[in-house]
Amino acid sequence: MRLAKFLAHAGVASRRAAEQLVFSGRVAVDGLEVRDPARDVSDADAVTVDGEPVGSGDAVRRVVYAVHKPKGVVSTAKDPQGRRTVVTLVPSAERLYPVGRLDADSTGLILLTNDGDLAHRLTHPSFEVPKTYRATVRRPPVRRQALQRLREGVVLEDGTTAPARVKVLAPDTLEITIHEGRKRQVRRMCEAVGHPVVALQRTAFGPLHLGRLPEGGHRRLSTQEVRALRQASRSRAT
């Protein structure tokens, strides 16, 4: 198994974050520093991160939590500015990290897990897992031309977005479903069509819905819910 995948399965970090750990020289195999995340390792190898031993993925109890992120909380495991992070909302013995991100000003559903492989599948663009948002916007009502641009794809500085599903909930409120994960994407899309976002809440991630989970609250997902997330991440993969 590749080293980055081994670390992700062990619950150390997501696969991308695990690669960065390796690149930064914080990972050793059998006492020797390794900087190649593609290095093959097995359960027989002694893998450490910052000198601490890492067990195999099979020995780790994998968990997934749904969290209702409040405004002002950042979607990282640690914050150099000392702001409150989403991982502090879930008291857990496991080392958890967020699946993707919500910007600090946004609220709603975010997942925390120690399952790096699942996190990778839920966030990588190739798997096209949909995410749904409720956006309250300025300058209502949102007219047909703006809706059509959102549905067909909006030209942004980092390229044209994929078509979005858009439903009008009120003159100033849209329900937008995307399957990309660009930084502040929904906010930038709405601003590009002339309707800057006032408030943004993620209401669904794949088959999982925010429901009545209170702001700041969390709950551990059931086996059936985790299975549904895995299925969603397989259905569109090429």
Protein backbone atom coordinates (compact mmCIF):
# COMPACT_ATOMS: atom_id res chain seq x y z
CA MET A 1 0.00 0.00 0.00
CA ARG A 2 1.26 3.49 -0.79
CA LEU A 3 2.44 5.47 2.22
CA ALA A 4 -0.08 8.32 1.84
CA LYS A 5 -2.94 5.85 1.61
CA PHE A 6 -1.59 3.93 4.62
CA LEU A 7 -1.58 7.13 6.68
CA ALA A 8 -5.09 8.01 5.54
CA HIS A 9 -6.40 4.55 6.41
CA ALA A 10 -4.75 4.86 9.82
CA GLY A 11 -6.77 8.00 10.50
CA VAL A 12 -3.79 10.36 10.56
CA ALA A 13 -5.15 12.74 7.93
CA SER A 14 -6.91 12.86 4.60
CA ARG A 15 -4.92 11.46 1.69
CA ARG A 16 -3.96 14.91 0.41
CA ALA A 17 -2.94 16.08 3.88
CA ALA A 18 -0.99 12.84 4.38
CA GLU A 19 0.98 13.57 1.22
CA GLN A 20 1.92 16.97 2.64
CA LEU A 21 3.05 15.34 5.88
CA VAL A 22 5.38 13.11 3.86
CA PHE A 23 6.66 15.97 1.67
CA SER A 24 7.47 17.99 4.80
CA GLY A 25 9.68 15.23 6.20
CA ARG A 26 7.51 14.40 9.21
CA VAL A 27 7.07 10.72 8.31
CA ALA A 28 9.58 7.92 8.82
CA VAL A 29 9.54 4.25 7.84
CA ASP A 30 11.68 1.87 9.88
CA GLY A 31 13.47 4.85 11.38
CA LEU A 32 14.34 6.53 8.09
CA GLU A 33 12.77 9.77 6.88
CA VAL A 34 10.65 9.28 3.76
CA ARG A 35 9.52 12.08 1.42
CA ASP A 36 7.84 9.96 -1.26
CA PRO A 37 4.10 9.48 -0.56
CA ALA A 38 4.02 6.70 -3.19
CA ARG A 39 6.50 4.58 -1.22
CA ASP A 40 5.07 1.10 -0.65
CA VAL A 41 4.61 0.07 2.98
CA SER A 42 2.94 -2.82 4.78
CA ASP A 43 1.88 -3.76 8.30
CA ALA A 44 5.39 -5.12 8.82
CA ASP A 45 6.89 -1.62 8.46
CA ALA A 46 7.30 0.70 11.46
CA VAL A 47 5.68 3.96 10.34
CA THR A 48 5.88 7.09 12.50
CA VAL A 49 4.62 10.67 12.21
CA ASP A 50 6.55 13.21 14.26
CA GLY A 51 8.08 10.26 16.05
CA GLU A 52 4.73 8.75 17.06
CA PRO A 53 3.93 5.24 15.79
CA VAL A 54 1.07 4.80 13.33
CA GLY A 55 -0.96 1.59 13.27
CA SER A 56 -2.47 -0.08 10.23
CA GLY A 57 -5.86 1.02 8.97
CA ASP A 58 -7.43 -2.30 9.96
CA ALA A 59 -6.80 -1.49 13.64
CA VAL A 60 -8.51 1.89 13.53
CA ARG A 61 -12.16 2.37 14.44
CA ARG A 62 -13.42 4.45 11.55
CA VAL A 63 -16.13 6.97 12.40
CA VAL A 64 -18.01 9.71 10.59
CA TYR A 65 -19.84 12.59 12.28
CA ALA A 66 -22.30 15.10 10.87
CA VAL A 67 -21.78 18.58 12.30
CA HIS A 68 -23.87 21.75 11.96
CA LYS A 69 -21.11 24.34 11.61
CA PRO A 70 -21.93 27.77 13.07
CA LYS A 71 -20.80 31.02 11.49
CA GLY A 72 -17.28 32.04 12.51
CA VAL A 73 -16.02 28.49 13.05
CA VAL A 74 -13.30 27.44 10.62
CA SER A 75 -13.29 24.13 8.77
CA THR A 76 -9.79 22.97 9.65
CA ALA A 77 -8.29 20.74 12.32
CA LYS A 78 -6.08 23.59 13.58
CA ASP A 79 -6.06 27.34 12.98
CA PRO A 80 -2.89 29.44 13.22
CA GLN A 81 -5.02 32.49 14.07
CA GLY A 82 -6.49 30.75 17.10
CA ARG A 83 -10.07 30.68 15.84
CA ARG A 84 -12.43 27.93 16.91
CA THR A 85 -12.35 24.92 14.58
CA VAL A 86 -15.01 22.36 13.67
CA VAL A 87 -13.09 19.51 15.31
CA THR A 88 -13.60 21.16 18.71
CA LEU A 89 -17.36 20.68 18.28
CA VAL A 90 -17.03 16.88 18.53
CA PRO A 91 -15.51 15.37 21.69
CA SER A 92 -13.91 12.19 20.41
CA ALA A 93 -10.97 9.93 21.26
CA GLU A 94 -10.28 9.57 17.53
CA ARG A 95 -8.23 12.10 15.59
CA LEU A 96 -10.84 13.68 13.34
CA TYR A 97 -10.52 16.04 10.40
CA PRO A 98 -13.08 17.78 8.19
CA VAL A 99 -14.25 16.40 4.85
CA GLY A 100 -13.80 19.38 2.56
CA ARG A 101 -14.49 22.89 3.82
CA LEU A 102 -17.09 25.52 4.46
CA ASP A 103 -15.82 29.09 4.63
CA ALA A 104 -15.94 30.74 8.03
CA ASP A 105 -18.97 32.90 7.13
CA SER A 106 -21.05 29.91 5.99
CA THR A 107 -23.07 27.53 8.14
CA GLY A 108 -24.51 24.07 7.77
CA LEU A 109 -23.54 20.47 7.21
CA ILE A 110 -19.92 19.39 7.34
CA LEU A 111 -18.56 15.90 7.97
CA LEU A 112 -15.74 14.93 10.32
CA THR A 113 -14.01 11.56 10.02
CA ASN A 114 -10.83 9.60 10.55
CA ASP A 115 -11.45 7.60 7.35
CA GLY A 116 -9.04 9.11 4.84
CA ASP A 117 -10.17 6.98 1.92
CA LEU A 118 -13.81 7.99 2.37
CA ALA A 119 -12.84 11.65 2.76
CA HIS A 120 -10.87 11.47 -0.49
CA ARG A 121 -13.78 9.93 -2.37
CA LEU A 122 -16.27 12.47 -1.04
CA THR A 123 -14.17 15.49 -1.98
CA HIS A 124 -12.26 14.58 -5.15
CA PRO A 125 -13.94 16.12 -8.23
CA SER A 126 -13.77 12.86 -10.20
CA PHE A 127 -16.40 11.28 -7.92
CA GLU A 128 -18.86 14.16 -8.42
CA VAL A 129 -20.56 13.85 -5.04
CA PRO A 130 -23.28 16.56 -4.97
CA LYS A 131 -23.48 19.22 -2.28
CA THR A 132 -26.58 21.36 -1.78
CA TYR A 133 -26.70 24.92 -0.41
CA ARG A 134 -29.37 27.44 0.51
CA ALA A 135 -28.22 30.90 -0.55
CA THR A 136 -29.88 34.14 0.47
CA VAL A 137 -28.84 36.80 -2.06
CA ARG A 138 -28.97 40.52 -2.67
CA ARG A 139 -30.91 42.33 -5.40
CA PRO A 140 -33.96 40.05 -5.62
CA PRO A 141 -35.70 38.72 -7.49
CA VAL A 142 -33.29 36.41 -9.32
CA ARG A 143 -34.44 36.57 -12.91
CA ARG A 144 -34.46 33.92 -15.62
CA GLN A 145 -31.21 34.99 -17.28
CA ALA A 146 -29.23 34.72 -14.03
CA LEU A 147 -30.78 31.33 -13.27
CA GLN A 148 -29.90 30.09 -16.75
CA ARG A 149 -26.26 31.12 -16.31
CA LEU A 150 -26.04 29.26 -13.00
CA ARG A 151 -27.62 26.17 -14.55
CA GLU A 152 -25.40 26.19 -17.64
CA GLY A 153 -22.10 27.17 -16.00
CA VAL A 154 -20.61 30.46 -14.88
CA VAL A 155 -17.27 31.80 -16.09
CA LEU A 156 -15.01 32.44 -13.07
CA GLU A 157 -11.34 33.41 -12.87
CA ASP A 158 -10.38 29.74 -12.44
CA GLY A 159 -12.56 28.48 -15.30
CA THR A 160 -16.18 27.79 -16.13
CA THR A 161 -18.18 25.96 -13.49
CA ALA A 162 -20.02 22.75 -14.23
CA PRO A 163 -23.80 23.08 -14.62
CA ALA A 164 -25.60 23.46 -11.30
CA ARG A 165 -29.09 22.46 -10.24
CA VAL A 166 -30.91 25.59 -9.11
CA LYS A 167 -34.31 25.94 -7.49
CA VAL A 168 -35.94 29.24 -6.50
CA LEU A 169 -37.23 28.99 -2.90
CA ALA A 170 -38.13 32.68 -2.51
CA PRO A 171 -37.40 35.90 -4.43
CA ASP A 172 -34.11 36.23 -2.52
CA THR A 173 -33.39 32.56 -1.78
CA LEU A 174 -31.93 29.84 -4.03
CA GLU A 175 -31.23 26.18 -3.52
CA ILE A 176 -28.06 25.36 -5.45
CA THR A 177 -26.55 21.89 -5.94
CA ILE A 178 -23.00 21.53 -7.27
CA HIS A 179 -20.53 18.64 -7.47
CA GLU A 180 -17.32 20.67 -7.63
CA GLY A 181 -15.39 21.95 -4.65
CA ARG A 182 -13.76 25.20 -5.64
CA LYS A 183 -12.99 27.77 -2.96
CA ARG A 184 -16.08 29.84 -2.11
CA GLN A 185 -17.64 28.55 -5.31
CA VAL A 186 -21.33 29.22 -4.64
CA ARG A 187 -20.59 32.73 -3.40
CA ARG A 188 -18.52 33.49 -6.50
CA MET A 189 -21.13 32.02 -8.84
CA CYS A 190 -23.91 34.12 -7.37
CA GLU A 191 -21.83 37.28 -7.39
CA ALA A 192 -20.89 36.65 -11.04
CA VAL A 193 -24.57 36.70 -12.04
CA GLY A 194 -25.28 39.90 -10.10
CA HIS A 195 -26.61 38.50 -6.81
CA PRO A 196 -23.99 38.56 -4.01
CA VAL A 197 -24.67 36.12 -1.17
CA VAL A 198 -25.90 37.45 2.15
CA ALA A 199 -26.11 34.10 3.94
CA LEU A 200 -25.07 30.59 2.87
CA GLN A 201 -25.94 27.27 4.46
CA ARG A 202 -25.02 23.79 3.24
CA THR A 203 -28.10 21.62 3.62
CA ALA A 204 -26.95 18.32 2.10
CA PHE A 205 -23.79 16.38 1.30
CA GLY A 206 -24.52 13.53 -1.10
CA PRO A 207 -27.43 11.54 0.36
CA LEU A 208 -26.97 13.05 3.84
CA HIS A 209 -29.16 16.00 4.89
CA LEU A 210 -28.69 18.54 7.67
CA GLY A 211 -32.23 18.00 8.87
CA ARG A 212 -32.97 19.24 12.38
CA LEU A 213 -29.42 19.01 13.70
CA PRO A 214 -29.04 22.17 15.83
CA GLU A 215 -26.36 24.74 15.08
CA GLY A 216 -23.16 23.66 16.80
CA GLY A 217 -24.55 20.14 17.26
CA HIS A 218 -23.18 16.85 16.02
CA ARG A 219 -24.13 13.22 15.69
CA ARG A 220 -22.31 10.07 14.69
CA LEU A 221 -23.55 8.58 11.42
CA SER A 222 -25.08 5.13 11.40
CA THR A 223 -23.58 2.23 9.47
CA GLN A 224 -26.35 2.62 6.89
CA GLU A 225 -25.61 6.33 6.42
CA VAL A 226 -21.88 5.71 5.98
CA ARG A 227 -22.69 2.97 3.49
CA ALA A 228 -24.87 5.41 1.54
CA LEU A 229 -22.02 7.95 1.45
CA ARG A 230 -19.66 5.29 0.12
CA GLN A 231 -22.18 4.34 -2.53
CA ALA A 232 -22.59 7.98 -3.58
CA SER A 233 -18.83 8.28 -4.02
CA ARG A 234 -18.73 5.22 -6.27
CA SER A 235 -21.72 5.87 -8.50
CA ARG A 236 -20.12 8.62 -10.62
CA ALA A 237 -16.43 7.66 -10.48
CA THR A 238 -14.78 6.89 -13.79
